[in-house]
Amino acid sequence: DYHRMKAAGVRFLEEPREEVYATVVVFEDLYGNRWDL
């Protein structure tokens, strides 16, 4: 999903990281709302 979204032009604000609860990365939607994948 990360690579598909990146290829589609999603703006990621960081590199993927490992947390105790999940593998996670922050991205913005077309308006600038922040999401976690």
PDB file of all heavy atoms in Angstrom:
ATOM      1  N   ASP A   1       0.828  -1.210   0.000  1.00  0.00           N
ATOM      2  CA  ASP A   1       0.000   0.000   0.000  1.00  0.00           C
ATOM      3  C   ASP A   1       0.861   1.258   0.000  1.00  0.00           C
ATOM      4  O   ASP A   1       0.565   2.225  -0.714  1.00  0.00           O
ATOM      5  CB  ASP A   1      -0.949   0.013   1.195  1.00  0.00           C
ATOM      6  CG  ASP A   1      -2.093  -0.974   1.030  1.00  0.00           C
ATOM      7  OD1 ASP A   1      -2.412  -1.337  -0.124  1.00  0.00           O
ATOM      8  OD2 ASP A   1      -2.670  -1.377   2.045  1.00  0.00           O
ATOM      9  N   TYR A   2       1.924   1.260   0.765  1.00  0.00           N
ATOM     10  CA  TYR A   2       2.818   2.412   0.814  1.00  0.00           C
ATOM     11  C   TYR A   2       3.405   2.709  -0.570  1.00  0.00           C
ATOM     12  O   TYR A   2       3.360   3.841  -1.053  1.00  0.00           O
ATOM     13  CB  TYR A   2       3.933   2.167   1.837  1.00  0.00           C
ATOM     14  CG  TYR A   2       5.037   3.197   1.807  1.00  0.00           C
ATOM     15  CD1 TYR A   2       4.815   4.487   2.289  1.00  0.00           C
ATOM     16  CD2 TYR A   2       6.293   2.883   1.297  1.00  0.00           C
ATOM     17  CE1 TYR A   2       5.837   5.442   2.256  1.00  0.00           C
ATOM     18  CE2 TYR A   2       7.310   3.825   1.267  1.00  0.00           C
ATOM     19  CZ  TYR A   2       7.072   5.104   1.746  1.00  0.00           C
ATOM     20  OH  TYR A   2       8.072   6.040   1.706  1.00  0.00           O
ATOM     21  N   HIS A   3       3.915   1.690  -1.231  1.00  0.00           N
ATOM     22  CA  HIS A   3       4.539   1.895  -2.542  1.00  0.00           C
ATOM     23  C   HIS A   3       3.507   2.260  -3.607  1.00  0.00           C
ATOM     24  O   HIS A   3       3.776   3.104  -4.470  1.00  0.00           O
ATOM     25  CB  HIS A   3       5.364   0.677  -2.944  1.00  0.00           C
ATOM     26  CG  HIS A   3       6.596   0.524  -2.106  1.00  0.00           C
ATOM     27  ND1 HIS A   3       7.624   1.432  -2.118  1.00  0.00           N
ATOM     28  CD2 HIS A   3       6.940  -0.422  -1.193  1.00  0.00           C
ATOM     29  CE1 HIS A   3       8.564   1.061  -1.262  1.00  0.00           C
ATOM     30  NE2 HIS A   3       8.166  -0.058  -0.690  1.00  0.00           N
ATOM     31  N   ARG A   4       2.312   1.674  -3.572  1.00  0.00           N
ATOM     32  CA  ARG A   4       1.254   2.024  -4.522  1.00  0.00           C
ATOM     33  C   ARG A   4       0.844   3.474  -4.339  1.00  0.00           C
ATOM     34  O   ARG A   4       0.728   4.230  -5.303  1.00  0.00           O
ATOM     35  CB  ARG A   4       0.032   1.115  -4.334  1.00  0.00           C
ATOM     36  CG  ARG A   4      -1.117   1.458  -5.305  1.00  0.00           C
ATOM     37  CD  ARG A   4      -2.424   0.806  -4.904  1.00  0.00           C
ATOM     38  NE  ARG A   4      -2.821   1.097  -3.544  1.00  0.00           N
ATOM     39  CZ  ARG A   4      -3.346   2.256  -3.127  1.00  0.00           C
ATOM     40  NH1 ARG A   4      -3.503   3.260  -3.962  1.00  0.00           N
ATOM     41  NH2 ARG A   4      -3.697   2.417  -1.867  1.00  0.00           N
ATOM     42  N   MET A   5       0.654   3.887  -3.079  1.00  0.00           N
ATOM     43  CA  MET A   5       0.237   5.267  -2.801  1.00  0.00           C
ATOM     44  C   MET A   5       1.333   6.260  -3.190  1.00  0.00           C
ATOM     45  O   MET A   5       1.055   7.319  -3.751  1.00  0.00           O
ATOM     46  CB  MET A   5      -0.148   5.403  -1.327  1.00  0.00           C
ATOM     47  CG  MET A   5      -1.417   4.638  -0.972  1.00  0.00           C
ATOM     48  SD  MET A   5      -1.730   4.567   0.808  1.00  0.00           S
ATOM     49  CE  MET A   5      -2.202   6.263   1.131  1.00  0.00           C
ATOM     50  N   LYS A   6       2.577   5.902  -2.902  1.00  0.00           N
ATOM     51  CA  LYS A   6       3.694   6.780  -3.256  1.00  0.00           C
ATOM     52  C   LYS A   6       3.768   6.963  -4.771  1.00  0.00           C
ATOM     53  O   LYS A   6       3.931   8.081  -5.269  1.00  0.00           O
ATOM     54  CB  LYS A   6       4.999   6.212  -2.693  1.00  0.00           C
ATOM     55  CG  LYS A   6       6.151   7.171  -2.745  1.00  0.00           C
ATOM     56  CD  LYS A   6       7.323   6.632  -1.938  1.00  0.00           C
ATOM     57  CE  LYS A   6       8.401   7.690  -1.865  1.00  0.00           C
ATOM     58  NZ  LYS A   6       9.506   7.302  -1.025  1.00  0.00           N
ATOM     59  N   ALA A   7       3.604   5.875  -5.514  1.00  0.00           N
ATOM     60  CA  ALA A   7       3.628   5.947  -6.977  1.00  0.00           C
ATOM     61  C   ALA A   7       2.456   6.749  -7.525  1.00  0.00           C
ATOM     62  O   ALA A   7       2.567   7.374  -8.582  1.00  0.00           O
ATOM     63  CB  ALA A   7       3.621   4.536  -7.564  1.00  0.00           C
ATOM     64  N   ALA A   8       1.338   6.767  -6.796  1.00  0.00           N
ATOM     65  CA  ALA A   8       0.151   7.518  -7.224  1.00  0.00           C
ATOM     66  C   ALA A   8       0.260   9.003  -6.887  1.00  0.00           C
ATOM     67  O   ALA A   8      -0.610   9.787  -7.275  1.00  0.00           O
ATOM     68  CB  ALA A   8      -1.103   6.921  -6.589  1.00  0.00           C
ATOM     69  N   GLY A   9       1.303   9.387  -6.144  1.00  0.00           N
ATOM     70  CA  GLY A   9       1.512  10.797  -5.853  1.00  0.00           C
ATOM     71  C   GLY A   9       1.136  11.257  -4.465  1.00  0.00           C
ATOM     72  O   GLY A   9       1.098  12.457  -4.196  1.00  0.00           O
ATOM     73  N   VAL A  10       0.883  10.321  -3.548  1.00  0.00           N
ATOM     74  CA  VAL A  10       0.581  10.706  -2.169  1.00  0.00           C
ATOM     75  C   VAL A  10       1.808  11.385  -1.561  1.00  0.00           C
ATOM     76  O   VAL A  10       2.943  10.925  -1.744  1.00  0.00           O
ATOM     77  CB  VAL A  10       0.165   9.485  -1.329  1.00  0.00           C
ATOM     78  CG1 VAL A  10       0.075   9.832   0.154  1.00  0.00           C
ATOM     79  CG2 VAL A  10      -1.169   8.937  -1.825  1.00  0.00           C
ATOM     80  N   ARG A  11       1.588  12.465  -0.842  1.00  0.00           N
ATOM     81  CA  ARG A  11       2.678  13.192  -0.178  1.00  0.00           C
ATOM     82  C   ARG A  11       2.884  12.621   1.227  1.00  0.00           C
ATOM     83  O   ARG A  11       2.053  12.821   2.115  1.00  0.00           O
ATOM     84  CB  ARG A  11       2.355  14.679  -0.087  1.00  0.00           C
ATOM     85  CG  ARG A  11       3.463  15.471   0.577  1.00  0.00           C
ATOM     86  CD  ARG A  11       3.226  16.967   0.478  1.00  0.00           C
ATOM     87  NE  ARG A  11       4.324  17.645   1.136  1.00  0.00           N
ATOM     88  CZ  ARG A  11       4.200  18.318   2.268  1.00  0.00           C
ATOM     89  NH1 ARG A  11       3.024  18.459   2.835  1.00  0.00           N
ATOM     90  NH2 ARG A  11       5.246  18.896   2.813  1.00  0.00           N
ATOM     91  N   PHE A  12       3.983  11.895   1.395  1.00  0.00           N
ATOM     92  CA  PHE A  12       4.341  11.358   2.703  1.00  0.00           C
ATOM     93  C   PHE A  12       5.222  12.365   3.416  1.00  0.00           C
ATOM     94  O   PHE A  12       6.102  12.977   2.813  1.00  0.00           O
ATOM     95  CB  PHE A  12       5.040  10.002   2.555  1.00  0.00           C
ATOM     96  CG  PHE A  12       4.093   8.910   2.153  1.00  0.00           C
ATOM     97  CD1 PHE A  12       3.914   8.595   0.817  1.00  0.00           C
ATOM     98  CD2 PHE A  12       3.370   8.226   3.107  1.00  0.00           C
ATOM     99  CE1 PHE A  12       3.022   7.603   0.433  1.00  0.00           C
ATOM    100  CE2 PHE A  12       2.476   7.228   2.745  1.00  0.00           C
ATOM    101  CZ  PHE A  12       2.303   6.916   1.405  1.00  0.00           C
ATOM    102  N   LEU A  13       4.995  12.535   4.704  1.00  0.00           N
ATOM    103  CA  LEU A  13       5.710  13.534   5.489  1.00  0.00           C
ATOM    104  C   LEU A  13       6.939  12.978   6.193  1.00  0.00           C
ATOM    105  O   LEU A  13       7.659  13.732   6.848  1.00  0.00           O
ATOM    106  CB  LEU A  13       4.766  14.164   6.520  1.00  0.00           C
ATOM    107  CG  LEU A  13       3.505  14.811   5.940  1.00  0.00           C
ATOM    108  CD1 LEU A  13       2.646  15.393   7.045  1.00  0.00           C
ATOM    109  CD2 LEU A  13       3.868  15.868   4.913  1.00  0.00           C
ATOM    110  N   GLU A  14       7.165  11.684   6.064  1.00  0.00           N
ATOM    111  CA  GLU A  14       8.272  11.021   6.738  1.00  0.00           C
ATOM    112  C   GLU A  14       8.514   9.683   6.064  1.00  0.00           C
ATOM    113  O   GLU A  14       7.742   9.276   5.200  1.00  0.00           O
ATOM    114  CB  GLU A  14       7.945  10.804   8.214  1.00  0.00           C
ATOM    115  CG  GLU A  14       6.734   9.886   8.412  1.00  0.00           C
ATOM    116  CD  GLU A  14       6.306   9.733   9.854  1.00  0.00           C
ATOM    117  OE1 GLU A  14       6.838  10.425  10.736  1.00  0.00           O
ATOM    118  OE2 GLU A  14       5.440   8.882  10.100  1.00  0.00           O
ATOM    119  N   GLU A  15       9.547   9.022   6.493  1.00  0.00           N
ATOM    120  CA  GLU A  15       9.799   7.645   6.059  1.00  0.00           C
ATOM    121  C   GLU A  15       9.024   6.709   6.994  1.00  0.00           C
ATOM    122  O   GLU A  15       8.792   7.038   8.167  1.00  0.00           O
ATOM    123  CB  GLU A  15      11.294   7.337   6.129  1.00  0.00           C
ATOM    124  CG  GLU A  15      12.117   8.106   5.108  1.00  0.00           C
ATOM    125  CD  GLU A  15      11.707   7.809   3.678  1.00  0.00           C
ATOM    126  OE1 GLU A  15      11.525   6.620   3.334  1.00  0.00           O
ATOM    127  OE2 GLU A  15      11.565   8.770   2.893  1.00  0.00           O
ATOM    128  N   PRO A  16       8.632   5.528   6.503  1.00  0.00           N
ATOM    129  CA  PRO A  16       7.955   4.565   7.385  1.00  0.00           C
ATOM    130  C   PRO A  16       8.812   4.262   8.611  1.00  0.00           C
ATOM    131  O   PRO A  16      10.041   4.262   8.533  1.00  0.00           O
ATOM    132  CB  PRO A  16       7.798   3.328   6.506  1.00  0.00           C
ATOM    133  CG  PRO A  16       7.785   3.866   5.113  1.00  0.00           C
ATOM    134  CD  PRO A  16       8.738   5.038   5.139  1.00  0.00           C
ATOM    135  N   ARG A  17       8.135   4.034   9.717  1.00  0.00           N
ATOM    136  CA  ARG A  17       8.851   3.745  10.959  1.00  0.00           C
ATOM    137  C   ARG A  17       8.138   2.622  11.713  1.00  0.00           C
ATOM    138  O   ARG A  17       6.951   2.387  11.524  1.00  0.00           O
ATOM    139  CB  ARG A  17       8.956   4.994  11.830  1.00  0.00           C
ATOM    140  CG  ARG A  17       7.651   5.522  12.348  1.00  0.00           C
ATOM    141  CD  ARG A  17       7.816   6.848  13.111  1.00  0.00           C
ATOM    142  NE  ARG A  17       6.639   7.215  13.842  1.00  0.00           N
ATOM    143  CZ  ARG A  17       5.540   7.747  13.335  1.00  0.00           C
ATOM    144  NH1 ARG A  17       5.445   7.978  12.050  1.00  0.00           N
ATOM    145  NH2 ARG A  17       4.514   8.042  14.108  1.00  0.00           N
ATOM    146  N   GLU A  18       8.914   1.969  12.560  1.00  0.00           N
ATOM    147  CA  GLU A  18       8.388   0.892  13.402  1.00  0.00           C
ATOM    148  C   GLU A  18       8.090   1.450  14.785  1.00  0.00           C
ATOM    149  O   GLU A  18       8.962   2.041  15.418  1.00  0.00           O
ATOM    150  CB  GLU A  18       9.393  -0.258  13.507  1.00  0.00           C
ATOM    151  CG  GLU A  18       9.660  -0.969  12.204  1.00  0.00           C
ATOM    152  CD  GLU A  18       8.451  -1.694  11.654  1.00  0.00           C
ATOM    153  OE1 GLU A  18       7.639  -2.230  12.438  1.00  0.00           O
ATOM    154  OE2 GLU A  18       8.311  -1.717  10.414  1.00  0.00           O
ATOM    155  N   GLU A  19       6.857   1.288  15.215  1.00  0.00           N
ATOM    156  CA  GLU A  19       6.445   1.638  16.574  1.00  0.00           C
ATOM    157  C   GLU A  19       6.059   0.350  17.287  1.00  0.00           C
ATOM    158  O   GLU A  19       5.924  -0.697  16.647  1.00  0.00           O
ATOM    159  CB  GLU A  19       5.256   2.611  16.544  1.00  0.00           C
ATOM    160  CG  GLU A  19       5.553   3.949  15.903  1.00  0.00           C
ATOM    161  CD  GLU A  19       6.474   4.836  16.731  1.00  0.00           C
ATOM    162  OE1 GLU A  19       6.696   4.537  17.926  1.00  0.00           O
ATOM    163  OE2 GLU A  19       6.983   5.825  16.182  1.00  0.00           O
ATOM    164  N   VAL A  20       5.872   0.397  18.588  1.00  0.00           N
ATOM    165  CA  VAL A  20       5.513  -0.816  19.322  1.00  0.00           C
ATOM    166  C   VAL A  20       4.146  -1.338  18.902  1.00  0.00           C
ATOM    167  O   VAL A  20       3.884  -2.532  18.986  1.00  0.00           O
ATOM    168  CB  VAL A  20       5.546  -0.591  20.854  1.00  0.00           C
ATOM    169  CG1 VAL A  20       6.956  -0.307  21.323  1.00  0.00           C
ATOM    170  CG2 VAL A  20       4.606   0.509  21.275  1.00  0.00           C
ATOM    171  N   TYR A  21       3.290  -0.492  18.413  1.00  0.00           N
ATOM    172  CA  TYR A  21       1.926  -0.868  18.057  1.00  0.00           C
ATOM    173  C   TYR A  21       1.736  -1.152  16.567  1.00  0.00           C
ATOM    174  O   TYR A  21       0.773  -1.813  16.177  1.00  0.00           O
ATOM    175  CB  TYR A  21       0.936   0.222  18.490  1.00  0.00           C
ATOM    176  CG  TYR A  21       1.210   1.564  17.844  1.00  0.00           C
ATOM    177  CD1 TYR A  21       0.599   1.926  16.654  1.00  0.00           C
ATOM    178  CD2 TYR A  21       2.095   2.474  18.434  1.00  0.00           C
ATOM    179  CE1 TYR A  21       0.866   3.152  16.064  1.00  0.00           C
ATOM    180  CE2 TYR A  21       2.356   3.700  17.856  1.00  0.00           C
ATOM    181  CZ  TYR A  21       1.741   4.032  16.669  1.00  0.00           C
ATOM    182  OH  TYR A  21       2.007   5.244  16.086  1.00  0.00           O
ATOM    183  N   ALA A  22       2.653  -0.635  15.688  1.00  0.00           N
ATOM    184  CA  ALA A  22       2.422  -0.765  14.254  1.00  0.00           C
ATOM    185  C   ALA A  22       3.626  -0.285  13.453  1.00  0.00           C
ATOM    186  O   ALA A  22       4.472   0.445  13.945  1.00  0.00           O
ATOM    187  CB  ALA A  22       1.198   0.062  13.850  1.00  0.00           C
ATOM    188  N   THR A  23       3.645  -0.662  12.175  1.00  0.00           N
ATOM    189  CA  THR A  23       4.464   0.009  11.172  1.00  0.00           C
ATOM    190  C   THR A  23       3.614   1.172  10.701  1.00  0.00           C
ATOM    191  O   THR A  23       2.421   0.994  10.390  1.00  0.00           O
ATOM    192  CB  THR A  23       4.776  -0.929   9.995  1.00  0.00           C
ATOM    193  OG1 THR A  23       5.421  -2.096  10.496  1.00  0.00           O
ATOM    194  CG2 THR A  23       5.653  -0.244   8.969  1.00  0.00           C
ATOM    195  N   VAL A  24       4.192   2.374  10.644  1.00  0.00           N
ATOM    196  CA  VAL A  24       3.373   3.570  10.412  1.00  0.00           C
ATOM    197  C   VAL A  24       4.127   4.609   9.601  1.00  0.00           C
ATOM    198  O   VAL A  24       5.361   4.684   9.662  1.00  0.00           O
ATOM    199  CB  VAL A  24       2.898   4.166  11.772  1.00  0.00           C
ATOM    200  CG1 VAL A  24       4.059   4.621  12.606  1.00  0.00           C
ATOM    201  CG2 VAL A  24       1.888   5.257  11.585  1.00  0.00           C
ATOM    202  N   VAL A  25       3.365   5.397   8.845  1.00  0.00           N
ATOM    203  CA  VAL A  25       3.898   6.541   8.125  1.00  0.00           C
ATOM    204  C   VAL A  25       2.778   7.580   8.019  1.00  0.00           C
ATOM    205  O   VAL A  25       1.605   7.231   7.879  1.00  0.00           O
ATOM    206  CB  VAL A  25       4.441   6.146   6.735  1.00  0.00           C
ATOM    207  CG1 VAL A  25       3.337   5.673   5.797  1.00  0.00           C
ATOM    208  CG2 VAL A  25       5.234   7.276   6.117  1.00  0.00           C
ATOM    209  N   VAL A  26       3.152   8.853   8.122  1.00  0.00           N
ATOM    210  CA  VAL A  26       2.181   9.944   8.040  1.00  0.00           C
ATOM    211  C   VAL A  26       2.145  10.479   6.612  1.00  0.00           C
ATOM    212  O   VAL A  26       3.190  10.685   5.994  1.00  0.00           O
ATOM    213  CB  VAL A  26       2.539  11.091   9.017  1.00  0.00           C
ATOM    214  CG1 VAL A  26       1.551  12.249   8.894  1.00  0.00           C
ATOM    215  CG2 VAL A  26       2.573  10.574  10.454  1.00  0.00           C
ATOM    216  N   PHE A  27       0.927  10.689   6.108  1.00  0.00           N
ATOM    217  CA  PHE A  27       0.766  11.304   4.795  1.00  0.00           C
ATOM    218  C   PHE A  27      -0.330  12.352   4.845  1.00  0.00           C
ATOM    219  O   PHE A  27      -1.089  12.424   5.808  1.00  0.00           O
ATOM    220  CB  PHE A  27       0.488  10.254   3.710  1.00  0.00           C
ATOM    221  CG  PHE A  27      -0.856   9.577   3.790  1.00  0.00           C
ATOM    222  CD1 PHE A  27      -1.950  10.060   3.069  1.00  0.00           C
ATOM    223  CD2 PHE A  27      -1.031   8.428   4.540  1.00  0.00           C
ATOM    224  CE1 PHE A  27      -3.180   9.418   3.115  1.00  0.00           C
ATOM    225  CE2 PHE A  27      -2.258   7.774   4.597  1.00  0.00           C
ATOM    226  CZ  PHE A  27      -3.331   8.272   3.881  1.00  0.00           C
ATOM    227  N   GLU A  28      -0.371  13.181   3.808  1.00  0.00           N
ATOM    228  CA  GLU A  28      -1.404  14.207   3.694  1.00  0.00           C
ATOM    229  C   GLU A  28      -2.328  13.889   2.532  1.00  0.00           C
ATOM    230  O   GLU A  28      -1.884  13.405   1.485  1.00  0.00           O
ATOM    231  CB  GLU A  28      -0.791  15.588   3.447  1.00  0.00           C
ATOM    232  CG  GLU A  28      -0.124  16.177   4.651  1.00  0.00           C
ATOM    233  CD  GLU A  28       0.392  17.582   4.392  1.00  0.00           C
ATOM    234  OE1 GLU A  28       0.588  17.975   3.223  1.00  0.00           O
ATOM    235  OE2 GLU A  28       0.619  18.279   5.389  1.00  0.00           O
ATOM    236  N   ASP A  29      -3.615  14.195   2.725  1.00  0.00           N
ATOM    237  CA  ASP A  29      -4.551  14.071   1.615  1.00  0.00           C
ATOM    238  C   ASP A  29      -4.475  15.322   0.745  1.00  0.00           C
ATOM    239  O   ASP A  29      -3.632  16.201   0.973  1.00  0.00           O
ATOM    240  CB  ASP A  29      -5.967  13.763   2.110  1.00  0.00           C
ATOM    241  CG  ASP A  29      -6.635  14.891   2.885  1.00  0.00           C
ATOM    242  OD1 ASP A  29      -6.177  16.052   2.830  1.00  0.00           O
ATOM    243  OD2 ASP A  29      -7.650  14.608   3.554  1.00  0.00           O
ATOM    244  N   LEU A  30      -5.322  15.434  -0.233  1.00  0.00           N
ATOM    245  CA  LEU A  30      -5.239  16.543  -1.181  1.00  0.00           C
ATOM    246  C   LEU A  30      -5.461  17.896  -0.542  1.00  0.00           C
ATOM    247  O   LEU A  30      -5.042  18.919  -1.101  1.00  0.00           O
ATOM    248  CB  LEU A  30      -6.221  16.352  -2.344  1.00  0.00           C
ATOM    249  CG  LEU A  30      -7.706  16.615  -2.092  1.00  0.00           C
ATOM    250  CD1 LEU A  30      -8.415  16.806  -3.426  1.00  0.00           C
ATOM    251  CD2 LEU A  30      -8.327  15.511  -1.287  1.00  0.00           C
ATOM    252  N   TYR A  31      -6.077  17.957   0.626  1.00  0.00           N
ATOM    253  CA  TYR A  31      -6.333  19.225   1.304  1.00  0.00           C
ATOM    254  C   TYR A  31      -5.344  19.518   2.419  1.00  0.00           C
ATOM    255  O   TYR A  31      -5.364  20.596   2.997  1.00  0.00           O
ATOM    256  CB  TYR A  31      -7.757  19.254   1.845  1.00  0.00           C
ATOM    257  CG  TYR A  31      -8.790  19.142   0.746  1.00  0.00           C
ATOM    258  CD1 TYR A  31      -9.604  18.026   0.659  1.00  0.00           C
ATOM    259  CD2 TYR A  31      -8.925  20.134  -0.215  1.00  0.00           C
ATOM    260  CE1 TYR A  31     -10.543  17.922  -0.350  1.00  0.00           C
ATOM    261  CE2 TYR A  31      -9.854  20.030  -1.229  1.00  0.00           C
ATOM    262  CZ  TYR A  31     -10.664  18.919  -1.296  1.00  0.00           C
ATOM    263  OH  TYR A  31     -11.585  18.802  -2.308  1.00  0.00           O
ATOM    264  N   GLY A  32      -4.505  18.544   2.769  1.00  0.00           N
ATOM    265  CA  GLY A  32      -3.541  18.740   3.842  1.00  0.00           C
ATOM    266  C   GLY A  32      -3.906  18.078   5.155  1.00  0.00           C
ATOM    267  O   GLY A  32      -3.158  18.183   6.122  1.00  0.00           O
ATOM    268  N   ASN A  33      -5.058  17.385   5.219  1.00  0.00           N
ATOM    269  CA  ASN A  33      -5.373  16.610   6.419  1.00  0.00           C
ATOM    270  C   ASN A  33      -4.321  15.525   6.575  1.00  0.00           C
ATOM    271  O   ASN A  33      -3.926  14.876   5.596  1.00  0.00           O
ATOM    272  CB  ASN A  33      -6.751  15.931   6.300  1.00  0.00           C
ATOM    273  CG  ASN A  33      -7.878  16.920   6.306  1.00  0.00           C
ATOM    274  OD1 ASN A  33      -8.054  17.674   7.253  1.00  0.00           O
ATOM    275  ND2 ASN A  33      -8.660  16.927   5.238  1.00  0.00           N
ATOM    276  N   ARG A  34      -3.877  15.317   7.789  1.00  0.00           N
ATOM    277  CA  ARG A  34      -2.862  14.291   8.052  1.00  0.00           C
ATOM    278  C   ARG A  34      -3.517  12.959   8.407  1.00  0.00           C
ATOM    279  O   ARG A  34      -4.475  12.911   9.166  1.00  0.00           O
ATOM    280  CB  ARG A  34      -1.937  14.736   9.177  1.00  0.00           C
ATOM    281  CG  ARG A  34      -1.070  15.883   8.729  1.00  0.00           C
ATOM    282  CD  ARG A  34      -0.104  16.311   9.773  1.00  0.00           C
ATOM    283  NE  ARG A  34       0.730  17.365   9.205  1.00  0.00           N
ATOM    284  CZ  ARG A  34       1.859  17.763   9.714  1.00  0.00           C
ATOM    285  NH1 ARG A  34       2.315  17.206  10.818  1.00  0.00           N
ATOM    286  NH2 ARG A  34       2.546  18.722   9.133  1.00  0.00           N
ATOM    287  N   TRP A  35      -2.943  11.926   7.830  1.00  0.00           N
ATOM    288  CA  TRP A  35      -3.386  10.550   8.022  1.00  0.00           C
ATOM    289  C   TRP A  35      -2.197   9.711   8.479  1.00  0.00           C
ATOM    290  O   TRP A  35      -1.055  10.008   8.138  1.00  0.00           O
ATOM    291  CB  TRP A  35      -3.833   9.947   6.698  1.00  0.00           C
ATOM    292  CG  TRP A  35      -5.065  10.470   6.060  1.00  0.00           C
ATOM    293  CD1 TRP A  35      -5.300  11.737   5.610  1.00  0.00           C
ATOM    294  CD2 TRP A  35      -6.212   9.702   5.725  1.00  0.00           C
ATOM    295  NE1 TRP A  35      -6.533  11.795   5.021  1.00  0.00           N
ATOM    296  CE2 TRP A  35      -7.105  10.566   5.079  1.00  0.00           C
ATOM    297  CE3 TRP A  35      -6.557   8.368   5.914  1.00  0.00           C
ATOM    298  CZ2 TRP A  35      -8.338  10.135   4.606  1.00  0.00           C
ATOM    299  CZ3 TRP A  35      -7.786   7.942   5.453  1.00  0.00           C
ATOM    300  CH2 TRP A  35      -8.667   8.817   4.814  1.00  0.00           C
ATOM    301  N   ASP A  36      -2.470   8.616   9.168  1.00  0.00           N
ATOM    302  CA  ASP A  36      -1.501   7.550   9.381  1.00  0.00           C
ATOM    303  C   ASP A  36      -1.888   6.389   8.483  1.00  0.00           C
ATOM    304  O   ASP A  36      -3.061   5.978   8.465  1.00  0.00           O
ATOM    305  CB  ASP A  36      -1.524   7.025  10.816  1.00  0.00           C
ATOM    306  CG  ASP A  36      -0.580   7.760  11.756  1.00  0.00           C
ATOM    307  OD1 ASP A  36       0.122   8.669  11.314  1.00  0.00           O
ATOM    308  OD2 ASP A  36      -0.581   7.407  12.957  1.00  0.00           O
ATOM    309  N   LEU A  37      -0.939   5.864   7.724  1.00  0.00           N
ATOM    310  CA  LEU A  37      -1.082   4.542   7.116  1.00  0.00           C
ATOM    311  C   LEU A  37      -0.375   3.625   8.085  1.00  0.00           C
ATOM    312  O   LEU A  37       0.785   3.862   8.432  1.00  0.00           O
ATOM    313  CB  LEU A  37      -0.414   4.490   5.738  1.00  0.00           C
ATOM    314  CG  LEU A  37      -0.359   3.105   5.092  1.00  0.00           C
ATOM    315  CD1 LEU A  37      -1.753   2.600   4.767  1.00  0.00           C
ATOM    316  CD2 LEU A  37       0.515   3.141   3.835  1.00  0.00           C
TER     317      LEU A  37
END
